[in-house]
N, C-alpha and C. Protein backbone atom coordinates (compact mmCIF):
# COMPACT_ATOMS: atom_id res chain seq x y z
N ALA A 1 -69.23 -47.45 -39.16
CA ALA A 1 -69.86 -47.19 -37.99
C ALA A 1 -68.91 -46.97 -37.13
N SER A 2 -69.08 -45.72 -36.36
CA SER A 2 -68.28 -45.53 -35.07
C SER A 2 -68.87 -45.11 -33.74
N LEU A 3 -68.33 -45.36 -33.09
CA LEU A 3 -68.99 -44.97 -31.56
C LEU A 3 -68.55 -43.74 -30.94
N ASN A 4 -68.58 -43.38 -29.44
CA ASN A 4 -68.05 -42.32 -29.15
C ASN A 4 -67.01 -42.01 -28.93
N VAL A 5 -66.15 -41.63 -29.97
CA VAL A 5 -64.46 -41.70 -30.05
C VAL A 5 -63.75 -41.36 -28.70
N GLY A 6 -62.76 -42.14 -28.48
CA GLY A 6 -62.10 -42.10 -27.30
C GLY A 6 -62.82 -42.84 -25.94
N SER A 7 -64.09 -43.26 -25.84
CA SER A 7 -64.73 -44.10 -25.02
C SER A 7 -63.80 -45.34 -24.82
N ARG A 8 -63.85 -45.92 -23.69
CA ARG A 8 -63.46 -47.48 -23.38
C ARG A 8 -64.32 -48.34 -24.19
N GLN A 9 -65.68 -48.19 -24.24
CA GLN A 9 -66.51 -48.93 -25.07
C GLN A 9 -66.08 -48.97 -26.53
N ALA A 10 -65.73 -47.96 -27.05
CA ALA A 10 -65.41 -47.66 -28.59
C ALA A 10 -63.86 -48.39 -29.03
N SER A 11 -63.31 -48.15 -27.97
CA SER A 11 -62.06 -48.60 -28.12
C SER A 11 -62.08 -50.48 -27.94
N LEU A 12 -62.95 -50.89 -26.94
CA LEU A 12 -63.15 -52.22 -26.98
C LEU A 12 -63.81 -53.04 -28.01
N VAL A 13 -64.84 -52.10 -28.81
CA VAL A 13 -65.50 -52.31 -30.21
C VAL A 13 -64.42 -52.72 -31.22
N ALA A 14 -63.82 -51.57 -30.99
CA ALA A 14 -62.67 -51.34 -32.06
C ALA A 14 -61.59 -52.48 -32.01
N LEU A 15 -61.45 -52.93 -30.96
CA LEU A 15 -60.57 -54.18 -30.12
C LEU A 15 -61.03 -55.27 -31.01
N TYR A 16 -62.30 -55.89 -30.74
CA TYR A 16 -62.82 -57.00 -31.13
C TYR A 16 -63.20 -56.72 -32.80
N LYS A 17 -63.39 -55.71 -33.12
CA LYS A 17 -63.79 -55.66 -34.89
C LYS A 17 -62.45 -56.13 -35.36
N TYR A 18 -61.16 -55.84 -34.98
CA TYR A 18 -60.00 -56.13 -35.60
C TYR A 18 -59.83 -57.60 -35.00
N SER A 19 -59.96 -57.97 -33.94
CA SER A 19 -59.66 -59.79 -33.56
C SER A 19 -60.90 -60.50 -34.73
N ALA A 20 -62.07 -60.04 -34.75
CA ALA A 20 -63.01 -60.45 -36.08
C ALA A 20 -62.43 -60.59 -37.18
N THR A 21 -61.40 -59.60 -37.37
CA THR A 21 -60.94 -59.60 -39.22
C THR A 21 -59.85 -60.81 -38.84
N LEU A 22 -59.17 -61.03 -38.05
CA LEU A 22 -57.92 -61.93 -37.87
C LEU A 22 -58.62 -63.24 -37.96
N TYR A 23 -59.79 -63.69 -37.21
CA TYR A 23 -60.25 -64.63 -37.34
C TYR A 23 -62.06 -64.44 -36.67
N PRO A 24 -62.75 -64.70 -37.72
CA PRO A 24 -64.11 -64.25 -36.91
C PRO A 24 -64.63 -65.55 -36.16
N LEU A 25 -64.36 -65.43 -34.96
CA LEU A 25 -64.99 -66.38 -34.03
C LEU A 25 -66.53 -65.60 -33.35
N ALA A 26 -67.34 -66.50 -32.65
CA ALA A 26 -68.55 -66.12 -32.57
C ALA A 26 -68.51 -65.08 -31.46
N ILE A 27 -67.20 -65.48 -30.55
CA ILE A 27 -67.21 -64.20 -29.51
C ILE A 27 -67.02 -63.10 -29.73
N SER A 28 -65.79 -62.37 -30.81
CA SER A 28 -65.57 -61.46 -31.08
C SER A 28 -66.46 -60.86 -31.51
N GLU A 29 -67.18 -61.81 -32.49
CA GLU A 29 -68.39 -61.03 -33.46
C GLU A 29 -69.80 -60.69 -32.63
N LEU A 30 -69.78 -61.19 -31.57
CA LEU A 30 -70.78 -60.93 -30.55
C LEU A 30 -70.56 -59.82 -29.74
N ARG A 31 -69.13 -59.50 -29.13
CA ARG A 31 -68.77 -58.73 -28.58
C ARG A 31 -68.87 -57.38 -29.15
N VAL A 32 -68.55 -57.37 -30.40
CA VAL A 32 -68.72 -55.85 -31.39
C VAL A 32 -70.41 -55.79 -31.44
N ALA A 33 -70.98 -56.48 -31.52
CA ALA A 33 -72.27 -56.57 -31.66
C ALA A 33 -72.87 -56.04 -30.27
N HIS A 34 -72.44 -56.58 -29.42
CA HIS A 34 -73.17 -56.23 -27.88
C HIS A 34 -72.49 -54.72 -27.54
N GLY A 35 -71.78 -54.23 -28.13
CA GLY A 35 -71.01 -52.77 -27.76
C GLY A 35 -72.44 -51.85 -28.84
N LEU A 36 -72.14 -52.24 -29.94
CA LEU A 36 -73.28 -51.48 -31.13
C LEU A 36 -74.82 -51.84 -30.49
N ALA A 37 -74.89 -52.34 -29.79
CA ALA A 37 -76.30 -52.75 -29.15
C ALA A 37 -76.56 -52.11 -27.68
N GLN A 38 -75.62 -51.95 -27.07
CA GLN A 38 -75.53 -51.08 -25.97
C GLN A 38 -75.79 -49.37 -26.41
N GLU A 39 -74.95 -49.23 -27.50
CA GLU A 39 -75.13 -48.04 -28.22
C GLU A 39 -76.58 -47.53 -28.42
N VAL A 40 -76.99 -48.75 -29.45
CA VAL A 40 -78.68 -48.37 -29.74
C VAL A 40 -79.41 -48.05 -28.88
N ASN A 41 -79.03 -48.87 -27.77
CA ASN A 41 -80.06 -49.15 -26.84
C ASN A 41 -80.09 -47.13 -25.94
N ARG A 42 -78.57 -46.60 -26.15
CA ARG A 42 -78.32 -45.48 -25.44
C ARG A 42 -79.07 -44.68 -26.33
N LEU A 43 -78.86 -44.67 -27.62
CA LEU A 43 -79.45 -43.43 -28.37
C LEU A 43 -80.69 -43.57 -28.40
N SER A 44 -81.46 -44.59 -28.60
CA SER A 44 -82.58 -44.83 -28.90
C SER A 44 -83.64 -44.18 -27.44
N HIS A 45 -82.81 -43.93 -26.22
CA HIS A 45 -83.58 -43.27 -25.31
C HIS A 45 -83.41 -41.86 -25.16
N ARG A 46 -82.64 -41.33 -26.14
CA ARG A 46 -82.43 -39.69 -26.34
C ARG A 46 -83.98 -39.22 -26.20
N SER A 47 -84.08 -38.36 -25.67
CA SER A 47 -85.54 -37.32 -25.80
C SER A 47 -85.65 -36.79 -27.05
N THR A 48 -84.53 -36.23 -27.56
CA THR A 48 -84.95 -36.15 -29.24
C THR A 48 -83.36 -36.67 -29.83
N ARG A 49 -84.09 -36.85 -30.96
CA ARG A 49 -83.15 -37.70 -31.86
C ARG A 49 -82.79 -36.71 -33.41
N THR A 50 -81.51 -36.92 -33.73
CA THR A 50 -81.26 -35.98 -34.79
C THR A 50 -81.37 -37.18 -36.27
N GLU A 51 -81.09 -36.59 -37.26
CA GLU A 51 -81.00 -37.33 -38.40
C GLU A 51 -79.66 -38.42 -38.63
N ALA A 52 -78.30 -37.82 -37.97
CA ALA A 52 -77.36 -38.47 -37.91
C ALA A 52 -77.69 -39.81 -37.01
N ASP A 53 -78.33 -39.30 -35.94
CA ASP A 53 -79.02 -40.62 -34.68
C ASP A 53 -79.30 -41.85 -35.49
N GLU A 54 -80.91 -41.05 -36.27
CA GLU A 54 -81.14 -41.99 -36.80
C GLU A 54 -80.72 -43.21 -37.71
N LYS A 55 -79.55 -42.29 -38.78
CA LYS A 55 -78.90 -42.92 -39.39
C LYS A 55 -77.50 -43.99 -38.52
N LYS A 56 -76.96 -43.20 -37.39
CA LYS A 56 -76.58 -44.22 -36.64
C LYS A 56 -77.53 -45.58 -36.58
N LEU A 57 -78.35 -45.46 -35.99
CA LEU A 57 -79.10 -46.52 -35.37
C LEU A 57 -79.22 -47.44 -36.62
N ASN A 58 -79.65 -47.12 -37.51
CA ASN A 58 -79.90 -48.10 -38.90
C ASN A 58 -78.80 -48.97 -39.03
N GLU A 59 -77.30 -48.10 -39.05
CA GLU A 59 -76.09 -48.74 -39.53
C GLU A 59 -75.75 -49.42 -38.19
N TYR A 60 -75.77 -48.99 -36.91
CA TYR A 60 -75.68 -50.25 -36.14
C TYR A 60 -76.75 -51.39 -36.03
N LEU A 61 -77.78 -51.12 -36.59
CA LEU A 61 -78.60 -52.48 -36.37
C LEU A 61 -78.58 -53.30 -37.53
N GLN A 62 -78.16 -53.22 -38.63
CA GLN A 62 -77.63 -53.58 -39.56
C GLN A 62 -76.42 -54.23 -39.60
N GLU A 63 -75.20 -53.87 -38.73
CA GLU A 63 -74.01 -54.56 -38.35
C GLU A 63 -74.29 -55.70 -37.31
N ILE A 64 -75.28 -55.47 -36.18
CA ILE A 64 -75.69 -56.50 -35.14
C ILE A 64 -76.40 -57.68 -35.96
N THR A 65 -77.10 -57.22 -36.94
CA THR A 65 -77.59 -58.37 -37.84
C THR A 65 -76.41 -59.19 -38.35
N LEU A 66 -75.70 -58.39 -38.96
CA LEU A 66 -74.38 -59.10 -39.81
C LEU A 66 -73.53 -59.65 -38.57
N ARG A 67 -73.27 -59.47 -37.63
CA ARG A 67 -72.59 -60.01 -36.72
C ARG A 67 -72.88 -60.99 -36.19
N THR A 68 -74.49 -61.04 -35.37
CA THR A 68 -75.15 -62.04 -34.85
C THR A 68 -75.40 -63.10 -36.36
N SER A 69 -75.22 -62.85 -37.18
CA SER A 69 -75.74 -63.92 -38.38
C SER A 69 -74.05 -64.71 -38.72
N ARG A 70 -73.10 -64.03 -38.55
CA ARG A 70 -71.36 -64.44 -38.41
C ARG A 70 -71.15 -65.10 -37.53
N ALA A 71 -71.83 -64.75 -36.31
CA ALA A 71 -71.60 -65.54 -34.86
C ALA A 71 -72.46 -67.33 -34.87
N ASP A 72 -73.50 -66.97 -35.35
CA ASP A 72 -74.49 -68.05 -35.54
C ASP A 72 -73.86 -69.06 -36.52
N ALA A 73 -73.14 -68.80 -37.60
CA ALA A 73 -72.79 -69.55 -38.45
C ALA A 73 -71.17 -70.61 -37.82
N ASP A 74 -70.75 -69.57 -37.13
CA ASP A 74 -69.54 -70.30 -36.31
C ASP A 74 -70.05 -70.95 -34.99
N ILE A 75 -71.41 -70.98 -34.51
CA ILE A 75 -71.64 -71.39 -33.29
C ILE A 75 -72.18 -72.61 -34.13
N GLU A 76 -72.70 -72.60 -35.22
CA GLU A 76 -72.92 -73.83 -35.96
C GLU A 76 -71.78 -75.04 -36.49
N ARG A 77 -70.77 -74.12 -37.00
CA ARG A 77 -69.50 -74.81 -37.30
C ARG A 77 -68.60 -75.60 -36.01
N THR A 78 -69.01 -75.06 -34.80
CA THR A 78 -67.99 -75.65 -33.93
C THR A 78 -68.92 -76.50 -32.99
N GLN A 79 -70.35 -76.73 -33.11
CA GLN A 79 -71.26 -77.57 -32.51
C GLN A 79 -70.68 -79.08 -32.07
N ASP A 80 -69.98 -79.51 -33.15
CA ASP A 80 -69.48 -81.18 -33.18
C ASP A 80 -67.71 -80.96 -32.83
N ASP A 81 -67.06 -80.09 -32.57
CA ASP A 81 -65.84 -79.82 -32.44
C ASP A 81 -65.57 -79.66 -31.14
N LYS A 82 -64.69 -80.87 -30.30
CA LYS A 82 -64.62 -80.81 -28.81
C LYS A 82 -63.52 -79.93 -28.42
N ASN A 83 -62.90 -79.32 -29.41
CA ASN A 83 -62.06 -78.36 -28.79
C ASN A 83 -62.55 -76.71 -28.89
N ALA A 84 -63.42 -76.82 -29.67
CA ALA A 84 -64.04 -75.31 -29.71
C ALA A 84 -65.70 -74.92 -29.08
N ASN A 85 -66.58 -76.13 -29.13
CA ASN A 85 -67.70 -76.12 -28.67
C ASN A 85 -68.06 -75.73 -27.27
N GLY A 86 -66.91 -75.58 -26.37
CA GLY A 86 -67.33 -75.19 -24.96
C GLY A 86 -67.24 -74.08 -25.18
N LEU A 87 -66.95 -72.94 -26.13
CA LEU A 87 -67.46 -71.66 -25.95
C LEU A 87 -68.96 -71.07 -26.62
N ILE A 88 -69.56 -72.29 -27.15
CA ILE A 88 -70.65 -72.07 -27.53
C ILE A 88 -71.94 -71.32 -26.00
N PRO A 89 -71.80 -72.16 -25.15
CA PRO A 89 -72.87 -71.46 -23.95
C PRO A 89 -72.37 -69.82 -23.98
N SER A 90 -70.82 -69.38 -23.82
CA SER A 90 -70.45 -67.84 -23.63
C SER A 90 -71.27 -67.01 -24.86
N ALA A 91 -70.93 -68.03 -25.60
CA ALA A 91 -71.61 -67.04 -27.25
C ALA A 91 -73.30 -67.03 -27.33
N LEU A 92 -73.82 -67.76 -26.69
CA LEU A 92 -75.09 -67.84 -26.76
C LEU A 92 -75.36 -66.63 -25.46
N LEU A 93 -74.74 -66.61 -24.58
CA LEU A 93 -75.16 -65.50 -23.06
C LEU A 93 -74.99 -64.41 -23.83
N ARG A 94 -73.71 -64.11 -24.74
CA ARG A 94 -73.58 -62.83 -25.29
C ARG A 94 -74.81 -62.39 -26.51
N LYS A 95 -75.16 -63.69 -27.00
CA LYS A 95 -76.20 -63.38 -27.97
C LYS A 95 -77.36 -62.63 -26.99
N ALA A 96 -77.93 -63.24 -25.88
CA ALA A 96 -78.94 -62.98 -25.17
C ALA A 96 -78.70 -61.63 -24.53
N MET A 97 -77.66 -61.36 -24.16
CA MET A 97 -77.32 -59.97 -23.88
C MET A 97 -77.41 -58.78 -24.83
N ILE A 98 -77.31 -59.09 -25.99
CA ILE A 98 -77.70 -58.34 -27.22
C ILE A 98 -79.14 -58.11 -27.48
N PHE A 99 -79.54 -59.00 -27.43
CA PHE A 99 -81.35 -59.11 -27.68
C PHE A 99 -81.72 -58.40 -26.30
N SER A 100 -81.20 -58.52 -25.05
CA SER A 100 -81.78 -57.68 -24.09
C SER A 100 -81.66 -56.37 -24.35
N GLU A 101 -80.23 -55.76 -24.55
CA GLU A 101 -80.39 -54.36 -25.04
C GLU A 101 -81.29 -53.87 -26.26
N LEU A 102 -81.50 -54.90 -27.18
CA LEU A 102 -82.40 -54.34 -28.30
C LEU A 102 -83.69 -54.19 -27.76
N ALA A 103 -84.09 -55.22 -26.69
CA ALA A 103 -85.89 -55.14 -26.48
C ALA A 103 -85.64 -54.19 -25.51
N PHE A 104 -84.74 -53.60 -24.45
CA PHE A 104 -84.95 -52.39 -23.99
C PHE A 104 -84.93 -51.26 -24.86
N ALA A 105 -84.28 -51.24 -26.05
CA ALA A 105 -84.61 -49.83 -27.01
C ALA A 105 -85.68 -50.21 -27.64
N GLY A 106 -86.56 -51.07 -27.65
CA GLY A 106 -87.55 -51.13 -28.36
C GLY A 106 -87.82 -51.81 -29.92
N TYR A 107 -86.45 -52.75 -30.02
CA TYR A 107 -86.10 -52.77 -31.44
C TYR A 107 -86.62 -54.65 -31.52
N ILE A 108 -86.90 -55.49 -30.64
CA ILE A 108 -87.32 -56.56 -30.57
C ILE A 108 -88.34 -56.98 -29.36
N GLU A 109 -88.95 -57.82 -29.30
CA GLU A 109 -89.98 -58.10 -28.07
C GLU A 109 -89.29 -58.72 -27.25
N HIS A 110 -89.25 -58.50 -25.67
CA HIS A 110 -88.85 -59.11 -24.68
C HIS A 110 -88.32 -60.66 -24.79
N SER A 111 -89.79 -61.08 -25.30
CA SER A 111 -89.60 -62.51 -25.58
C SER A 111 -88.42 -63.51 -25.85
N VAL A 112 -88.44 -62.53 -27.26
CA VAL A 112 -86.83 -62.88 -27.60
C VAL A 112 -85.62 -62.94 -27.00
N ALA A 113 -85.49 -61.98 -26.46
CA ALA A 113 -84.30 -61.82 -25.30
C ALA A 113 -84.63 -63.07 -24.10
N ILE A 114 -86.02 -63.50 -23.61
CA ILE A 114 -85.96 -64.24 -22.43
C ILE A 114 -85.53 -65.62 -22.72
N ASP A 115 -86.30 -65.73 -24.12
CA ASP A 115 -85.55 -67.15 -25.04
C ASP A 115 -84.48 -67.49 -25.22
N ALA A 116 -83.75 -66.19 -25.52
CA ALA A 116 -82.41 -66.29 -25.65
C ALA A 116 -81.77 -66.77 -24.50
N PHE A 117 -82.17 -65.98 -23.48
CA PHE A 117 -81.19 -66.48 -22.01
C PHE A 117 -81.50 -68.07 -21.78
N GLU A 118 -82.82 -68.38 -21.95
CA GLU A 118 -83.62 -69.90 -21.84
C GLU A 118 -82.26 -70.97 -22.67
N LYS A 119 -81.97 -70.18 -23.96
CA LYS A 119 -80.93 -71.06 -24.70
C LYS A 119 -79.69 -71.28 -24.08
N ALA A 120 -79.18 -70.15 -23.81
CA ALA A 120 -78.04 -69.97 -23.21
C ALA A 120 -77.83 -71.07 -21.90
N GLN A 121 -78.83 -70.78 -21.11
CA GLN A 121 -78.58 -71.51 -19.73
C GLN A 121 -79.02 -72.98 -19.82
N ASN A 122 -79.68 -73.17 -21.12
CA ASN A 122 -79.78 -74.93 -21.46
C ASN A 122 -78.50 -75.34 -21.97
N ALA A 123 -78.02 -74.54 -22.78
CA ALA A 123 -76.34 -74.58 -23.02
C ALA A 123 -75.79 -75.06 -22.30
N TRP A 124 -75.21 -74.08 -21.17
CA TRP A 124 -74.69 -74.29 -20.07
C TRP A 124 -75.01 -75.43 -19.21
N ILE A 125 -76.08 -75.77 -18.95
CA ILE A 125 -75.97 -77.08 -18.23
C ILE A 125 -75.72 -77.97 -19.00
N ALA A 126 -76.23 -77.96 -20.26
CA ALA A 126 -75.45 -79.22 -21.00
C ALA A 126 -73.83 -79.44 -21.15
N SER A 127 -73.57 -78.25 -21.13
CA SER A 127 -71.90 -78.41 -21.13
C SER A 127 -71.17 -78.83 -19.71
N GLY A 128 -72.05 -78.69 -18.40
CA GLY A 128 -71.40 -78.81 -17.04
C GLY A 128 -70.57 -77.61 -16.26
N GLY A 129 -70.92 -76.74 -17.35
CA GLY A 129 -69.81 -75.23 -16.67
C GLY A 129 -70.57 -74.78 -15.51
N ASN A 130 -69.91 -74.10 -15.08
CA ASN A 130 -70.16 -73.06 -14.15
C ASN A 130 -71.31 -71.78 -14.88
N ASP A 131 -72.51 -71.96 -14.42
CA ASP A 131 -73.23 -70.94 -14.90
C ASP A 131 -73.50 -69.48 -14.41
N SER A 132 -72.95 -69.37 -13.15
CA SER A 132 -73.27 -68.52 -12.16
C SER A 132 -73.01 -66.64 -12.87
N PHE A 133 -72.50 -66.50 -13.75
CA PHE A 133 -72.69 -65.30 -14.94
C PHE A 133 -73.54 -65.25 -15.27
N LEU A 134 -74.08 -66.47 -16.04
CA LEU A 134 -75.20 -66.21 -16.76
C LEU A 134 -76.81 -65.85 -15.93
N ARG A 135 -76.59 -66.66 -14.70
CA ARG A 135 -77.79 -66.86 -13.73
C ARG A 135 -77.75 -64.85 -13.27
N LEU A 136 -76.58 -64.43 -13.30
CA LEU A 136 -76.43 -63.47 -12.67
C LEU A 136 -76.90 -62.34 -13.59
N ARG A 137 -76.44 -62.38 -14.63
CA ARG A 137 -77.15 -61.20 -15.91
C ARG A 137 -78.77 -61.64 -16.26
N TYR A 138 -79.11 -62.74 -16.18
CA TYR A 138 -80.58 -62.99 -16.35
C TYR A 138 -81.17 -62.65 -15.56
N ALA A 139 -80.77 -62.82 -14.14
CA ALA A 139 -81.99 -62.32 -13.43
C ALA A 139 -81.56 -60.83 -13.14
N GLU A 140 -80.66 -59.93 -13.61
CA GLU A 140 -80.53 -58.48 -13.45
C GLU A 140 -81.33 -58.15 -14.85
N TYR A 141 -81.44 -59.08 -16.03
CA TYR A 141 -82.24 -58.70 -16.94
C TYR A 141 -83.86 -58.57 -16.75
N LEU A 142 -84.40 -59.80 -15.83
CA LEU A 142 -85.79 -60.27 -15.66
C LEU A 142 -85.95 -58.85 -14.23
N LEU A 143 -85.08 -58.60 -13.76
CA LEU A 143 -85.44 -57.54 -12.73
C LEU A 143 -85.78 -56.18 -12.88
N THR A 144 -85.10 -55.73 -14.39
CA THR A 144 -84.67 -54.55 -14.48
C THR A 144 -86.31 -54.51 -15.28
N LEU A 145 -86.77 -55.65 -16.09
CA LEU A 145 -87.85 -56.09 -16.92
C LEU A 145 -89.16 -55.94 -15.94
N ASP A 146 -89.38 -56.66 -14.91
CA ASP A 146 -90.12 -56.82 -14.11
C ASP A 146 -90.09 -57.49 -13.26
N SER A 147 -89.48 -56.82 -11.85
CA SER A 147 -89.07 -57.56 -10.32
C SER A 147 -90.36 -58.60 -9.91
N GLU A 148 -91.65 -57.80 -9.94
CA GLU A 148 -92.47 -58.32 -9.33
C GLU A 148 -93.39 -59.63 -10.10
N LEU A 149 -93.13 -59.33 -11.49
CA LEU A 149 -94.12 -60.52 -12.12
C LEU A 149 -92.78 -61.73 -12.52
N TYR A 150 -91.23 -61.39 -12.15
CA TYR A 150 -90.57 -62.21 -12.76
C TYR A 150 -89.74 -62.79 -11.00
N LYS A 151 -90.39 -62.58 -10.25
CA LYS A 151 -89.81 -62.64 -8.61
C LYS A 151 -89.16 -64.08 -8.54
N THR A 152 -90.41 -64.99 -8.76
CA THR A 152 -89.65 -66.53 -8.73
C THR A 152 -89.08 -66.68 -9.63
N ASN A 153 -88.89 -66.44 -10.83
CA ASN A 153 -87.69 -66.58 -11.82
C ASN A 153 -86.48 -65.94 -11.24
N ILE A 154 -86.45 -65.12 -10.55
CA ILE A 154 -85.02 -64.65 -9.96
C ILE A 154 -84.81 -65.03 -8.81
N GLN A 155 -85.70 -65.69 -8.13
CA GLN A 155 -85.26 -66.10 -7.15
C GLN A 155 -84.76 -67.73 -7.38
N GLN A 156 -85.19 -68.42 -8.50
CA GLN A 156 -84.57 -69.53 -8.86
C GLN A 156 -83.42 -69.51 -9.48
N LEU A 157 -83.16 -68.42 -10.45
CA LEU A 157 -81.84 -68.08 -11.03
C LEU A 157 -80.79 -68.03 -9.83
N LEU A 158 -81.09 -67.33 -8.86
CA LEU A 158 -79.91 -66.74 -7.84
C LEU A 158 -79.82 -67.69 -6.91
N GLN A 159 -81.05 -68.99 -6.46
CA GLN A 159 -80.48 -69.49 -5.34
C GLN A 159 -79.18 -70.55 -5.61
N PRO A 160 -78.71 -70.87 -6.75
CA PRO A 160 -77.82 -72.12 -6.56
C PRO A 160 -76.33 -71.02 -6.47
N ILE A 161 -76.41 -69.95 -6.23
CA ILE A 161 -75.05 -68.99 -5.90
C ILE A 161 -75.31 -68.08 -4.79
N VAL A 162 -76.42 -68.20 -4.28
CA VAL A 162 -76.32 -67.05 -3.14
C VAL A 162 -77.04 -67.58 -2.24
N VAL A 163 -76.47 -68.79 -1.36
CA VAL A 163 -76.88 -69.28 0.01
C VAL A 163 -76.13 -68.77 1.14
N LEU A 164 -76.67 -68.52 2.23
CA LEU A 164 -75.93 -68.02 3.42
C LEU A 164 -75.71 -69.33 4.28
N LYS A 165 -75.26 -69.08 5.24
CA LYS A 165 -74.75 -70.08 6.40
C LYS A 165 -76.18 -70.52 7.29
N ASP A 166 -77.07 -69.66 7.15
CA ASP A 166 -78.03 -69.57 8.15
C ASP A 166 -79.40 -70.74 6.97
N GLY A 167 -78.92 -70.71 6.13
CA GLY A 167 -79.97 -71.35 4.92
C GLY A 167 -80.83 -70.28 3.88
N HIS A 168 -80.89 -69.19 4.33
CA HIS A 168 -81.34 -68.10 3.73
C HIS A 168 -80.63 -67.74 2.80
N THR A 169 -81.24 -67.46 1.52
CA THR A 169 -80.89 -67.34 0.20
C THR A 169 -80.35 -65.57 0.42
N GLY A 170 -79.52 -65.17 -0.06
CA GLY A 170 -78.63 -63.97 -0.44
C GLY A 170 -77.44 -63.81 -0.02
N ASN A 171 -76.63 -63.42 -1.37
CA ASN A 171 -75.13 -63.26 -1.20
C ASN A 171 -75.29 -61.63 -1.07
N PRO A 172 -74.70 -61.23 -0.24
CA PRO A 172 -74.79 -59.58 0.10
C PRO A 172 -74.21 -58.83 -1.28
N PRO A 173 -73.12 -59.00 -1.41
CA PRO A 173 -72.51 -58.24 -2.92
C PRO A 173 -73.16 -58.61 -3.99
N ILE A 174 -74.29 -59.35 -4.28
CA ILE A 174 -74.93 -60.06 -5.79
C ILE A 174 -76.14 -59.20 -5.11
N LEU A 175 -77.18 -59.17 -3.94
CA LEU A 175 -78.09 -58.17 -3.69
C LEU A 175 -77.92 -56.78 -3.72
N VAL A 176 -76.60 -56.34 -3.17
CA VAL A 176 -76.73 -55.07 -3.43
C VAL A 176 -76.39 -54.77 -4.99
N SER A 177 -75.61 -55.21 -5.67
CA SER A 177 -75.79 -55.06 -7.23
C SER A 177 -77.06 -54.70 -7.82
N LEU A 178 -77.92 -56.01 -7.46
CA LEU A 178 -79.35 -56.03 -8.00
C LEU A 178 -80.08 -54.76 -7.63
N LYS A 179 -80.07 -54.81 -5.97
CA LYS A 179 -80.58 -53.56 -5.70
C LYS A 179 -80.20 -52.08 -6.30
N ASN A 180 -78.69 -51.69 -6.22
CA ASN A 180 -78.65 -50.70 -7.08
C ASN A 180 -79.12 -50.73 -8.59
N LEU A 181 -79.02 -51.74 -9.42
CA LEU A 181 -79.75 -51.74 -10.54
C LEU A 181 -81.21 -51.14 -10.11
N ARG A 182 -81.97 -51.59 -9.52
CA ARG A 182 -83.44 -50.93 -9.51
C ARG A 182 -83.56 -49.46 -8.89
N GLY A 183 -82.25 -49.29 -8.60
CA GLY A 183 -82.09 -47.53 -7.89
C GLY A 183 -82.60 -47.86 -6.18
N LYS A 184 -82.95 -48.71 -5.77
CA LYS A 184 -82.99 -48.87 -4.15
C LYS A 184 -81.74 -48.91 -3.21
N PRO A 185 -82.17 -47.93 -2.25
CA PRO A 185 -80.83 -47.72 -1.69
C PRO A 185 -80.42 -49.31 -0.72
N GLN A 186 -79.38 -48.97 -0.55
CA GLN A 186 -78.08 -50.43 -0.25
C GLN A 186 -78.68 -50.26 1.27
N GLU A 187 -79.49 -51.51 1.98
CA GLU A 187 -79.31 -52.29 2.94
C GLU A 187 -78.59 -52.72 3.72
N GLU A 188 -77.96 -52.60 5.02
CA GLU A 188 -77.11 -52.98 5.64
C GLU A 188 -77.35 -54.13 6.27
């Protein structure tokens, strides 16, 4: 399966595929799957899809399933390895990001992606690592999904990383990023 030849995304996916052939770790497998999931999301939102598009979608979905299965096996393998298990939270976040792309494309339920983000967050908390990137990605997903329904969740996710001097929550660069995501004009 090939992506848009010559694109940065295609180059990255090819690099991660090569990496996975050398040593199939969860991170490289999930980076390939994430690139493919982004392409699935893009193709699934075309107003008209050709037979070739449908064939690509099926190929990508099969490869995503294979890659996430391999990643799950690697996560299981490294669970008790002190030298390797530090990457598990990052791998689980990648998996959540894959599921969010597939949910927006209509191939899985959004609850599956939400559960994956929760599992990644729990793993990050258990590891004692910095979960700021996860919090931002999860908040972006919920914001895109339904900002009003998940308003409290979004605030709780971002609160630890966006506190201003006066006690109000809100990191201007992060808020601008989230507003741009929703298509709202930037406030000064």
